């Protein structure tokens, strides 16, 4: 099966880096990550596209240095998308909390398909909507055998291509809290 083209023009987000606004494309994040956990990489990238604007002030992108991140999912696609955009892992502001109560779709694994971004007293939450990931995604998680791993890899590529074509609000429920 040929790889799915996961390059989508316009799939970008903005964050404030050291010298001002920085536009980050999905292609950049994928080049950093490689070809492994593409479904979660694409989903979290889209989640960041939806969540970051909720923490902007006066239309200015959020400074990387102002963010702390809590993820309910320990996977490499999640971590790499968040690290590339926010540098939270490098800065020591990244926490994995698999006990987050929302979006617990994986029956045999303790994890939440959600993440939280904190900027000062504000928090933006991104919770993956039920049904975004198909049942076969979960059925193939950790399945033994080379054939199952190949099928799952192809499925992850397909999911990545599909979610990058959808707006973040179709994939995630977003909310903000002050506290």
Protein backbone atom coordinates (compact mmCIF):
# COMPACT_ATOMS: atom_id res chain seq x y z
CA UNK A 1 0.00 0.00 0.00
CA UNK A 2 1.50 3.40 -0.94
CA UNK A 3 1.89 5.91 1.89
CA UNK A 4 -0.89 8.45 2.30
CA UNK A 5 0.13 12.00 1.47
CA UNK A 6 -0.12 13.78 4.81
CA UNK A 7 1.06 17.14 3.52
CA UNK A 8 -1.75 19.63 3.73
CA UNK A 9 -1.27 23.19 2.61
CA UNK A 10 -2.45 25.60 5.27
CA UNK A 11 -2.13 23.16 8.17
CA UNK A 12 -0.02 25.47 10.30
CA UNK A 13 -0.09 27.09 13.69
CA UNK A 14 1.57 30.10 15.25
CA UNK A 15 3.51 30.40 18.47
CA UNK A 16 5.83 33.12 19.77
CA UNK A 17 9.44 31.94 19.71
CA UNK A 18 12.58 33.74 20.90
CA UNK A 19 12.42 36.53 18.33
CA UNK A 20 8.71 36.76 17.58
CA UNK A 21 5.93 34.82 15.87
CA UNK A 22 6.85 31.47 14.36
CA UNK A 23 4.64 29.57 11.93
CA UNK A 24 4.93 25.81 12.27
CA UNK A 25 3.60 23.44 9.64
CA UNK A 26 2.60 19.82 10.06
CA UNK A 27 5.36 18.87 7.62
CA UNK A 28 7.94 20.34 10.01
CA UNK A 29 6.55 18.39 12.95
CA UNK A 30 6.47 15.17 10.92
CA UNK A 31 10.08 15.66 9.78
CA UNK A 32 11.07 15.93 13.45
CA UNK A 33 9.07 12.83 14.48
CA UNK A 34 9.59 10.51 11.54
CA UNK A 35 7.03 7.90 10.45
CA UNK A 36 6.03 6.17 13.67
CA UNK A 37 2.95 7.43 15.50
CA UNK A 38 1.51 9.53 12.68
CA UNK A 39 -2.13 9.34 13.79
CA UNK A 40 -1.42 10.80 17.21
CA UNK A 41 1.13 13.25 15.79
CA UNK A 42 -1.46 14.64 13.37
CA UNK A 43 -4.24 14.66 15.97
CA UNK A 44 -2.17 16.54 18.54
CA UNK A 45 -0.94 18.99 15.90
CA UNK A 46 -4.57 19.72 15.03
CA UNK A 47 -5.41 19.92 18.74
CA UNK A 48 -2.67 22.50 19.22
CA UNK A 49 -4.02 24.46 16.24
CA UNK A 50 -7.34 24.69 18.06
CA UNK A 51 -6.10 25.17 21.64
CA UNK A 52 -3.31 27.71 21.25
CA UNK A 53 -5.55 30.54 19.96
CA UNK A 54 -7.67 30.17 23.11
CA UNK A 55 -4.69 31.40 25.16
CA UNK A 56 -3.70 34.31 22.92
CA UNK A 57 -3.78 37.86 24.23
CA UNK A 58 -4.74 40.68 21.86
CA UNK A 59 -4.37 38.34 18.88
CA UNK A 60 -0.69 37.71 19.63
CA UNK A 61 0.60 34.12 19.54
CA UNK A 62 1.31 32.47 22.87
CA UNK A 63 4.97 32.56 23.89
CA UNK A 64 6.46 29.08 24.13
CA UNK A 65 8.09 30.03 27.40
CA UNK A 66 4.68 30.81 28.96
CA UNK A 67 3.25 27.32 28.45
CA UNK A 68 3.10 24.26 30.65
CA UNK A 69 1.55 21.10 29.20
CA UNK A 70 -0.19 18.10 30.72
CA UNK A 71 -0.95 15.17 28.42
CA UNK A 72 -3.13 12.19 29.23
CA UNK A 73 -1.36 10.10 26.59
CA UNK A 74 2.27 8.96 26.96
CA UNK A 75 2.89 8.10 23.30
CA UNK A 76 5.73 9.39 21.12
CA UNK A 77 3.47 11.10 18.57
CA UNK A 78 1.82 13.13 21.32
CA UNK A 79 5.11 14.00 23.00
CA UNK A 80 6.88 14.92 19.75
CA UNK A 81 4.09 17.20 18.49
CA UNK A 82 3.94 19.01 21.82
CA UNK A 83 7.74 19.25 22.14
CA UNK A 84 8.28 20.56 18.62
CA UNK A 85 5.68 23.29 19.06
CA UNK A 86 6.11 24.27 22.72
CA UNK A 87 9.54 22.91 23.78
CA UNK A 88 7.76 21.95 27.03
CA UNK A 89 9.69 18.68 27.37
CA UNK A 90 13.05 20.45 27.01
CA UNK A 91 11.96 23.23 29.39
CA UNK A 92 10.77 20.74 32.03
CA UNK A 93 7.14 21.90 31.74
CA UNK A 94 5.66 18.69 30.29
CA UNK A 95 3.77 16.21 32.44
CA UNK A 96 2.07 12.97 31.49
CA UNK A 97 -0.98 12.23 33.63
CA UNK A 98 -2.72 9.12 32.34
CA UNK A 99 -5.42 9.55 34.98
CA UNK A 100 -7.03 12.54 33.24
CA UNK A 101 -10.73 11.60 33.20
CA UNK A 102 -11.71 12.64 29.68
CA UNK A 103 -11.54 10.68 26.41
CA UNK A 104 -10.64 7.28 27.81
CA UNK A 105 -11.21 5.34 24.61
CA UNK A 106 -8.57 2.62 24.87
CA UNK A 107 -10.21 -0.17 26.87
CA UNK A 108 -7.06 -2.06 27.83
CA UNK A 109 -4.73 0.87 28.35
CA UNK A 110 -4.67 3.55 31.02
CA UNK A 111 -4.58 6.78 29.07
CA UNK A 112 -6.63 9.80 28.12
CA UNK A 113 -6.82 11.20 24.61
CA UNK A 114 -6.67 14.75 25.90
CA UNK A 115 -4.18 17.45 26.82
CA UNK A 116 -4.10 20.72 28.70
CA UNK A 117 -2.11 23.87 28.03
CA UNK A 118 -1.58 26.29 30.92
CA UNK A 119 -0.61 29.93 30.51
CA UNK A 120 -0.50 31.77 33.82
CA UNK A 121 -3.99 31.44 35.34
CA UNK A 122 -5.59 30.22 32.10
CA UNK A 123 -5.91 26.66 30.90
CA UNK A 124 -7.01 25.44 27.48
CA UNK A 125 -8.24 21.86 27.31
CA UNK A 126 -8.40 19.72 24.19
CA UNK A 127 -10.43 16.50 24.46
CA UNK A 128 -10.55 14.15 21.47
CA UNK A 129 -14.12 13.58 20.32
CA UNK A 130 -15.54 10.09 20.54
CA UNK A 131 -15.44 8.30 17.19
CA UNK A 132 -12.54 10.24 15.66
CA UNK A 133 -10.33 7.18 16.00
CA UNK A 134 -11.94 4.09 14.44
CA UNK A 135 -12.40 0.89 16.49
CA UNK A 136 -9.74 -0.93 14.46
CA UNK A 137 -7.15 1.59 15.67
CA UNK A 138 -7.68 0.38 19.25
CA UNK A 139 -8.03 -3.28 18.24
CA UNK A 140 -4.59 -3.20 16.61
CA UNK A 141 -2.79 -1.41 19.46
CA UNK A 142 -0.03 -3.70 20.63
CA UNK A 143 -1.19 -6.58 18.41
CA UNK A 144 1.58 -9.14 17.97
CA UNK A 145 3.04 -10.07 14.61
CA UNK A 146 4.57 -8.28 11.66
CA UNK A 147 1.34 -8.35 9.63
CA UNK A 148 -0.65 -6.62 12.40
CA UNK A 149 2.06 -3.97 12.81
CA UNK A 150 2.02 -3.28 9.06
CA UNK A 151 -1.76 -2.98 9.00
CA UNK A 152 -1.66 -0.65 12.01
CA UNK A 153 1.07 1.50 10.43
CA UNK A 154 -1.01 1.87 7.25
CA UNK A 155 -4.05 2.75 9.35
CA UNK A 156 -2.07 5.40 11.28
CA UNK A 157 -0.96 6.97 7.97
CA UNK A 158 -4.55 6.98 6.71
CA UNK A 159 -5.88 8.53 9.92
CA UNK A 160 -3.19 11.23 9.81
CA UNK A 161 -4.11 12.17 6.25
CA UNK A 162 -7.81 12.32 7.13
CA UNK A 163 -7.52 14.37 10.32
CA UNK A 164 -5.27 16.95 8.67
CA UNK A 165 -8.12 17.70 6.23
CA UNK A 166 -10.57 18.44 9.04
CA UNK A 167 -10.81 21.55 11.20
CA UNK A 168 -9.60 21.08 14.78
CA UNK A 169 -13.11 21.74 16.17
CA UNK A 170 -14.41 18.60 14.42
CA UNK A 171 -11.74 16.50 16.12
CA UNK A 172 -11.59 17.98 19.63
CA UNK A 173 -13.81 19.61 22.21
CA UNK A 174 -12.02 22.76 23.39
CA UNK A 175 -12.59 24.66 26.59
CA UNK A 176 -10.85 27.26 28.71
CA UNK A 177 -10.71 27.58 32.47
CA UNK A 178 -9.39 30.28 34.72
CA UNK A 179 -8.09 29.15 38.03
